[in-house]
Protein backbone atom coordinates (compact mmCIF):
# COMPACT_ATOMS: atom_id res chain seq x y z
CA GLN A 1 -2.95 -7.88 -29.53
CA LEU A 2 -2.96 -6.21 -26.14
CA SER A 3 -2.90 -2.41 -25.98
CA HIS A 4 -1.05 -2.15 -22.87
CA PRO A 5 1.72 -4.98 -22.37
CA LYS A 6 3.37 -3.71 -19.30
CA PRO A 7 0.20 -3.60 -16.84
CA SER A 8 -1.34 -6.69 -18.74
CA ALA A 9 1.93 -8.86 -18.16
CA GLY A 10 1.64 -7.93 -14.50
CA PHE A 11 -1.78 -9.32 -14.01
CA LEU A 12 -0.73 -12.40 -15.91
CA ARG A 13 2.03 -13.03 -13.49
CA TYR A 14 -0.43 -12.13 -10.71
CA VAL A 15 -2.78 -14.94 -12.13
CA ILE A 16 0.19 -17.74 -12.47
CA SER A 17 1.43 -16.76 -8.88
CA PHE A 18 -2.23 -17.41 -7.53
CA LEU A 19 -2.12 -20.75 -9.10
CA LEU A 20 0.98 -21.84 -7.50
CA TYR A 21 0.14 -20.45 -4.27
CA SER A 22 -2.93 -22.61 -4.45
CA PHE A 23 -0.55 -25.76 -4.65
CA GLY A 24 2.11 -24.42 -2.48
CA SER A 25 1.75 -27.19 0.13
CA VAL A 26 3.37 -29.23 -2.42
CA SER A 27 6.77 -27.76 -1.88
CA PHE A 28 8.80 -24.70 -0.80
CA SER A 29 10.07 -23.97 -4.06
CA MET A 30 6.79 -23.78 -5.42
CA LEU A 31 6.06 -21.18 -2.90
CA ALA A 32 9.07 -19.29 -3.57
CA PHE A 33 8.59 -19.44 -7.50
CA ALA A 34 4.97 -18.10 -6.61
CA ALA A 35 6.38 -15.00 -4.53
CA MET A 36 9.01 -14.28 -7.38
CA LEU A 37 6.16 -14.02 -9.89
CA TYR A 38 4.06 -11.91 -7.79
CA GLY A 39 7.19 -9.45 -7.32
CA MET A 40 7.49 -9.57 -10.89
CA GLY A 41 3.86 -8.59 -11.46
CA GLU A 42 4.45 -5.78 -8.87
CA ALA A 43 7.64 -4.48 -10.79
CA PHE A 44 5.27 -4.67 -14.28
CA ARG A 45 2.24 -2.88 -12.92
CA SER A 46 4.12 -0.18 -10.46
CA GLY A 47 4.33 3.22 -11.82
CA CYS A 48 3.00 2.37 -15.01
CA HIS A 49 -0.62 2.51 -14.45
CA LYS A 50 -0.45 5.69 -12.33
CA ALA A 51 1.61 7.32 -15.22
CA MET A 52 -1.31 6.00 -17.60
CA ILE A 53 -3.88 7.75 -15.27
CA LEU A 54 -1.83 10.91 -15.56
CA GLN A 55 -1.35 10.87 -19.10
CA TRP A 56 -4.93 10.57 -19.92
CA LEU A 57 -5.32 13.61 -17.58
CA ASP A 58 -2.88 15.29 -19.38
CA ARG A 59 -4.36 14.47 -22.67
CA HIS A 60 -7.84 15.95 -21.67
CA GLY A 61 -6.19 19.35 -19.92
CA CYS A 62 -7.29 17.85 -16.53
CA LEU A 63 -3.76 17.57 -14.96
CA LYS A 64 -4.20 20.47 -12.27
CA GLN A 65 -6.82 18.58 -10.92
CA LYS A 66 -4.72 15.25 -10.33
CA THR A 67 -5.21 15.20 -6.78
CA PHE A 68 -8.62 15.60 -6.59
CA LEU A 69 -9.57 13.00 -9.41
CA TYR A 70 -6.98 10.53 -8.23
CA SER A 71 -8.59 10.90 -4.66
CA ARG A 72 -11.87 9.97 -6.41
CA THR A 73 -10.73 7.25 -8.17
CA ARG A 74 -8.57 5.48 -5.34
CA SER A 75 -11.95 6.04 -3.03
CA PHE A 76 -13.61 3.34 -5.19
CA SER A 77 -10.52 1.13 -4.67
CA ASN A 78 -11.12 1.29 -1.13
CA LEU A 79 -14.77 0.52 -1.67
CA GLY A 80 -13.81 -2.65 -3.56
CA SER A 81 -11.20 -3.64 -0.67
CA ALA A 82 -14.07 -3.42 1.76
CA ILE A 83 -16.20 -5.54 -0.39
CA ASN A 84 -13.14 -8.03 -0.81
CA ALA A 85 -12.91 -8.20 2.91
CA VAL A 86 -16.48 -9.23 3.55
CA THR A 87 -16.05 -11.97 0.55
CA ALA A 88 -12.79 -13.18 2.13
CA VAL A 89 -14.49 -13.85 5.31
CA CYS A 90 -17.10 -16.04 3.58
CA LEU A 91 -14.41 -17.87 1.79
CA VAL A 92 -12.50 -18.68 4.90
CA VAL A 93 -15.50 -19.49 7.01
CA PHE A 94 -17.33 -21.56 4.59
CA LEU A 95 -14.89 -23.14 2.05
CA PRO A 96 -12.06 -25.65 2.98
CA GLY A 97 -8.53 -24.57 3.04
CA SER A 98 -6.45 -21.49 2.10
CA SER A 99 -5.62 -22.62 -1.43
CA VAL A 100 -9.64 -22.18 -2.72
CA ILE A 101 -8.97 -18.39 -1.61
CA PHE A 102 -6.00 -18.01 -4.29
CA LEU A 103 -7.88 -19.53 -6.75
CA ALA A 104 -10.79 -17.29 -6.30
CA SER A 105 -8.66 -14.31 -6.39
CA ILE A 106 -7.92 -15.13 -9.95
CA ALA A 107 -11.22 -13.95 -11.13
CA PRO A 108 -10.87 -10.31 -10.31
CA MET A 109 -7.53 -10.33 -11.60
CA MET A 110 -8.89 -11.68 -14.95
CA LEU A 111 -11.48 -8.84 -14.94
CA ASP A 112 -8.68 -6.23 -14.52
CA PHE A 113 -6.52 -7.80 -17.07
CA ILE A 114 -9.69 -7.42 -19.35
CA LEU A 115 -10.36 -3.94 -18.32
CA VAL A 116 -6.51 -2.80 -18.86
CA ALA A 117 -6.71 -4.28 -22.10
CA THR A 118 -9.63 -1.89 -23.17
CA TYR A 119 -7.86 1.43 -22.46
CA PRO A 120 -7.36 4.01 -25.21
CA SER A 121 -4.50 2.81 -27.24
CA TYR A 122 -2.87 6.21 -27.33
CA LEU A 123 -2.11 5.43 -23.39
CA ASN A 124 0.47 2.90 -24.57
CA VAL A 125 3.44 4.95 -25.51
CA ARG A 126 5.85 2.67 -27.14
CA SER A 127 9.57 3.44 -28.34
CA GLU A 128 10.41 2.44 -31.66
CA THR A 129 13.16 0.21 -30.51
CA PRO A 130 12.42 -2.06 -27.38
CA PRO A 131 14.92 -0.95 -24.81
CA SER A 132 17.08 -3.66 -23.59
CA MET A 133 16.78 -4.88 -20.02
CA TRP A 134 20.09 -3.20 -19.03
CA LYS A 135 18.84 0.27 -20.55
CA LEU A 136 15.92 -0.04 -18.18
CA VAL A 137 18.10 -0.85 -15.37
CA ARG A 138 20.23 2.11 -16.23
CA ASP A 139 17.37 4.51 -16.63
CA GLU A 140 16.02 3.64 -13.23
CA PHE A 141 19.26 3.94 -11.41
CA SER A 142 19.68 7.16 -13.14
CA ALA A 143 16.39 8.50 -11.98
CA LEU A 144 17.00 7.39 -8.51
CA ILE A 145 20.46 9.22 -8.49
CA THR A 146 18.75 12.26 -9.80
CA LEU A 147 15.90 12.08 -7.17
CA MET A 148 18.34 11.53 -4.65
CA SER A 149 20.67 14.42 -5.54
CA HIS A 150 18.30 17.35 -4.87
CA PRO A 151 16.95 17.93 -1.35
CA HIS A 152 13.44 18.98 -2.88
CA ASN A 153 13.15 15.79 -4.77
CA ARG A 154 14.90 13.54 -1.99
CA ARG A 155 12.46 14.73 0.84
CA LYS A 156 9.48 13.99 -1.23
CA VAL A 157 10.28 10.68 -2.57
CA LEU A 158 11.73 9.29 0.60
CA SER A 159 8.88 10.82 2.67
CA SER A 160 6.35 8.79 0.37
CA SER A 161 8.28 5.54 0.23
CA ILE A 162 9.11 5.53 3.75
CA PHE A 163 5.56 6.21 4.83
CA GLN A 164 4.11 3.57 2.46
CA ALA A 165 6.59 0.91 3.73
CA SER A 166 5.59 1.75 7.38
CA HIS A 167 1.94 1.22 6.44
CA LYS A 168 2.79 -1.99 4.89
CA THR A 169 4.84 -3.20 7.82
CA LEU A 170 2.34 -2.30 10.83
CA LYS A 171 -1.01 -2.66 9.05
CA ASP A 172 -1.09 -6.67 9.42
CA TYR A 173 -0.35 -6.60 12.82
CA ILE A 174 -3.89 -6.13 13.74
CA GLN A 175 -4.26 -9.96 13.27
CA PRO A 176 -2.12 -11.18 16.00
CA ILE A 177 -3.32 -8.38 18.17
CA MET A 178 -6.93 -9.58 17.71
CA VAL A 179 -5.94 -13.03 18.18
CA ILE A 180 -4.44 -12.41 21.57
CA LEU A 181 -6.60 -9.60 22.85
CA GLY A 182 -9.80 -10.45 20.80
CA GLY A 183 -9.78 -14.19 21.98
CA LYS A 184 -9.86 -12.58 25.76
CA MET A 185 -12.64 -10.14 24.55
CA LEU A 186 -14.64 -13.14 23.57
CA LYS A 187 -14.23 -15.07 26.55
CA GLN A 188 -15.16 -12.12 28.52
CA TRP A 189 -18.56 -12.30 26.65
CA ARG A 190 -18.63 -15.92 27.59
CA ILE A 191 -18.20 -17.34 24.12
CA SER A 192 -16.23 -20.79 24.48
CA GLY A 193 -15.04 -23.60 22.63
CA ALA A 194 -11.55 -23.07 20.52
CA ASP A 195 -13.23 -23.58 17.07
CA ARG A 196 -16.15 -21.04 17.65
CA VAL A 197 -13.55 -18.60 19.12
CA ARG A 198 -11.35 -19.14 15.90
CA THR A 199 -14.12 -18.68 13.73
CA LEU A 200 -15.57 -15.50 15.43
CA THR A 201 -11.85 -14.03 15.34
CA LYS A 202 -11.97 -14.64 11.53
CA VAL A 203 -15.23 -12.86 11.08
CA VAL A 204 -14.31 -9.91 13.68
CA LEU A 205 -11.10 -9.37 11.47
CA GLY A 206 -12.91 -9.54 8.09
CA CYS A 207 -15.66 -7.13 9.42
CA MET A 208 -12.88 -4.73 10.85
CA TYR A 209 -10.98 -4.73 7.50
CA ALA A 210 -14.10 -3.83 5.54
CA LEU A 211 -14.81 -0.91 8.22
CA PHE A 212 -11.14 0.11 7.90
CA TYR A 213 -11.47 0.42 4.12
CA LEU A 214 -14.96 2.03 4.29
CA VAL A 215 -13.70 4.87 6.52
CA SER A 216 -10.56 4.91 4.26
CA CYS A 217 -13.03 5.67 1.19
CA ALA A 218 -14.21 8.61 2.91
CA GLY A 219 -10.69 9.81 3.72
CA THR A 220 -9.32 9.40 0.39
CA ARG A 221 -12.52 11.14 -1.49
CA ASN A 222 -11.64 14.13 0.66
CA SER A 223 -7.96 14.17 0.62
CA TRP A 224 -7.66 17.15 -1.62
CA ARG A 225 -9.83 19.20 0.95
CA ILE A 226 -7.60 18.25 3.71
CA ALA A 227 -4.77 19.40 1.86
CA GLY A 228 -6.27 22.66 1.17
CA ARG A 229 -6.10 23.33 4.72
CA PHE A 230 -2.12 23.32 4.72
CA SER A 231 0.08 25.76 3.16
CA SER A 232 1.19 23.08 0.73
CA GLU A 233 0.54 19.24 -0.15
CA LYS A 234 4.13 18.46 1.09
CA ILE A 235 3.36 20.13 4.70
CA ALA A 236 0.14 18.15 4.68
CA MET A 237 1.93 14.91 4.06
CA ASP A 238 4.12 15.82 6.91
CA ARG A 239 1.54 16.51 9.48
CA ILE A 240 -0.31 13.25 8.41
CA PHE A 241 2.90 11.39 8.81
CA ASP A 242 3.39 12.84 12.39
CA ALA A 243 -0.39 11.70 13.30
CA PHE A 244 0.31 8.43 11.96
CA LEU A 245 3.40 7.93 14.10
CA VAL A 246 1.43 9.28 17.24
CA LEU A 247 -1.16 6.72 16.60
CA ALA A 248 1.49 3.95 16.37
CA ILE A 249 2.71 5.01 19.98
CA GLY A 250 -0.84 4.95 20.96
CA ILE A 251 -1.35 1.40 19.64
CA GLY A 252 1.66 0.37 21.57
CA VAL A 253 0.17 1.82 24.80
CA PHE A 254 -3.34 0.10 24.33
CA VAL A 255 -1.60 -3.24 23.60
CA TRP A 256 0.53 -2.88 26.71
CA THR A 257 -2.66 -2.24 28.74
CA GLU A 258 -4.62 -4.68 27.05
CA LEU A 259 -7.36 -2.36 25.63
CA PRO A 260 -8.78 -3.99 22.31
CA ALA A 261 -11.69 -1.53 22.46
CA LEU A 262 -9.03 1.26 21.94
CA VAL A 263 -6.81 -0.36 19.49
CA ILE A 264 -9.51 -0.95 16.88
CA PRO A 265 -10.45 2.53 16.48
CA ALA A 266 -6.88 3.67 16.42
CA TYR A 267 -6.22 1.24 13.57
CA LEU A 268 -9.13 2.54 11.90
CA LEU A 269 -7.54 6.05 12.06
CA LEU A 270 -4.13 4.54 10.69
CA TYR A 271 -5.57 3.23 7.57
CA PHE A 272 -7.74 6.47 7.13
CA LEU A 273 -4.52 8.75 7.39
CA THR A 274 -2.81 6.22 4.83
CA ASN A 275 -5.37 6.47 2.24
CA THR A 276 -5.87 10.26 2.94
CA ARG A 277 -2.26 10.67 2.15
CA ARG A 278 -1.61 8.56 -0.67
CA PRO A 279 -3.15 11.00 -3.57
CA LEU A 280 -1.05 13.90 -2.04
CA ALA A 281 2.01 11.74 -2.26
CA MET A 282 1.30 10.53 -5.99
CA SER A 283 0.60 14.09 -6.96
CA GLN A 284 3.90 15.30 -5.37
CA VAL A 285 6.11 12.53 -6.82
CA SER A 286 4.62 12.32 -10.26
CA GLU A 287 5.80 15.88 -11.10
CA LEU A 288 9.41 15.71 -9.93
CA MET A 289 11.03 14.94 -13.31
CA GLY A 290 8.52 15.85 -15.92
CA LYS A 291 5.88 13.95 -17.52
CA LYS A 292 8.25 11.98 -19.95
CA ARG A 293 9.91 10.20 -17.17
CA ARG A 294 6.74 10.03 -14.92
CA ALA A 295 6.42 6.23 -15.10
CA THR A 296 10.10 5.90 -14.06
CA VAL A 297 9.83 8.13 -11.16
CA LEU A 298 6.55 6.36 -9.80
CA SER A 299 8.59 2.99 -10.40
CA VAL A 300 11.59 4.24 -8.61
CA GLU A 301 9.15 5.33 -5.57
CA SER A 302 7.71 1.69 -5.63
CA LEU A 303 11.13 0.24 -5.67
CA LEU A 304 12.25 2.52 -2.47
CA THR A 305 8.97 1.23 -0.82
CA SER A 306 9.87 -2.25 -1.53
CA MET A 307 13.56 -1.89 -0.25
CA THR A 308 12.64 -0.10 2.86
CA PHE A 309 9.90 -2.68 3.66
CA PHE A 310 12.43 -5.40 3.11
CA ILE A 311 14.48 -3.70 6.09
CA LEU A 312 11.56 -2.76 8.18
CA ALA A 313 9.59 -6.17 8.09
CA PRO A 314 12.24 -8.53 9.49
CA ALA A 315 13.32 -5.95 11.96
CA CYS A 316 9.98 -5.15 13.27
CA GLY A 317 9.18 -8.93 13.56
CA PHE A 318 12.25 -9.57 15.33
CA THR A 319 11.25 -6.75 17.70
CA ALA A 320 7.79 -8.27 18.07
CA HIS A 321 9.08 -11.61 18.76
CA HIS A 322 11.62 -10.87 21.32
CA PHE A 323 10.33 -7.74 23.07
CA GLY A 324 6.33 -7.86 21.98
CA ILE A 325 4.12 -6.15 19.85
CA SER A 326 3.68 -3.10 22.24
CA VAL A 327 7.16 -2.58 22.24
CA LEU A 328 7.45 -2.71 18.53
CA PHE A 329 4.73 0.00 18.21
CA LEU A 330 6.23 2.16 20.95
CA ALA A 331 9.85 2.23 19.28
CA PHE A 332 8.49 2.47 15.77
CA GLY A 333 6.38 5.51 16.64
CA VAL A 334 9.25 7.30 18.50
CA LEU A 335 12.10 6.49 16.09
CA GLY A 336 9.58 7.49 13.08
CA LEU A 337 8.68 10.81 14.58
CA LEU A 338 12.45 11.69 15.20
CA LEU A 339 13.12 10.67 11.42
CA ASN A 340 10.36 12.40 10.04
CA VAL A 341 10.99 15.76 11.90
CA LEU A 342 14.66 15.91 11.66
CA TYR A 343 15.02 14.66 7.88
CA LEU A 344 11.72 14.05 5.95
CA SER A 345 9.63 17.23 6.81
CA GLY A 346 9.72 20.44 5.11
CA ASP A 347 9.23 21.74 1.43
CA PRO A 348 12.51 23.03 0.10
CA VAL A 349 12.40 25.35 -2.85
CA PRO A 350 13.26 23.18 -6.10
CA GLU A 351 16.92 23.70 -7.64
CA SER A 352 16.62 25.24 -10.79
CA THR A 353 17.95 23.15 -13.57
């Protein structure tokens, strides 16, 4: 019997969704079902895994060092992402079709499934009677209302979720940017031939992602040091969000002026800031409602991130399609700065309960 059904169930849904994605060309309904399974996998995994890490730290008396320790563990995740980026380049260039990529993605998911199943059994906290689906939904909604009702909690959880959604929305625009500007750059280097340009663009993108994650690894590993330069972790989160949005404005200017040599380092800093901030946000959000509701709070944060992304992604896509990517980044940066400065920044004193 698996000792950790919730994250394990998430990984199983990932595997099934990848299998369906590999045959997604058969019908749109199959793709839609695969996307649904992937979302269910996220729902089962989100919050639960981080709560298990924090529970382990709590049991061993290391909870005060949670930012430091989570920074270190997340840095290895970034290192793995860098290796995956290089592996993906090889798969895209040398293997036929995208379906093979989804099949290849099943292997690491199965390894993760096995790894989680070997966690200590005391991390698997179960109630004597399994809660109903209605009770789970009610608990999530109750936690959401509680978090939103106090300025101290609200600012932290919204700042964390909106930042994560912002990064998820903007991070992959590097691909169309490089297709447009990178193609021109390769032609300037006298590299001709449509197939050759496409292949080299894929290689450049893969190497760039690897570089992004390698630099992010250094940022994540030292996020606790960066936080120590500010009066609180929340203030550090605010200033990093400001820098992220200023970079978004800079990327808009660089795309407008067709300067790919400046877009790449700006995107690199974007990834660096995102991964530097995440351990701080996890530390702040996880302590909002006590250890008994830790997994619920982290799941609510993940839910808010998904809801915000659901709003931002189509709005940004519409803006990029009708007005251009440069306008998207400029508008996103300016409006985001206003939101962060006027509504999300600050570290109010928590209300007594």
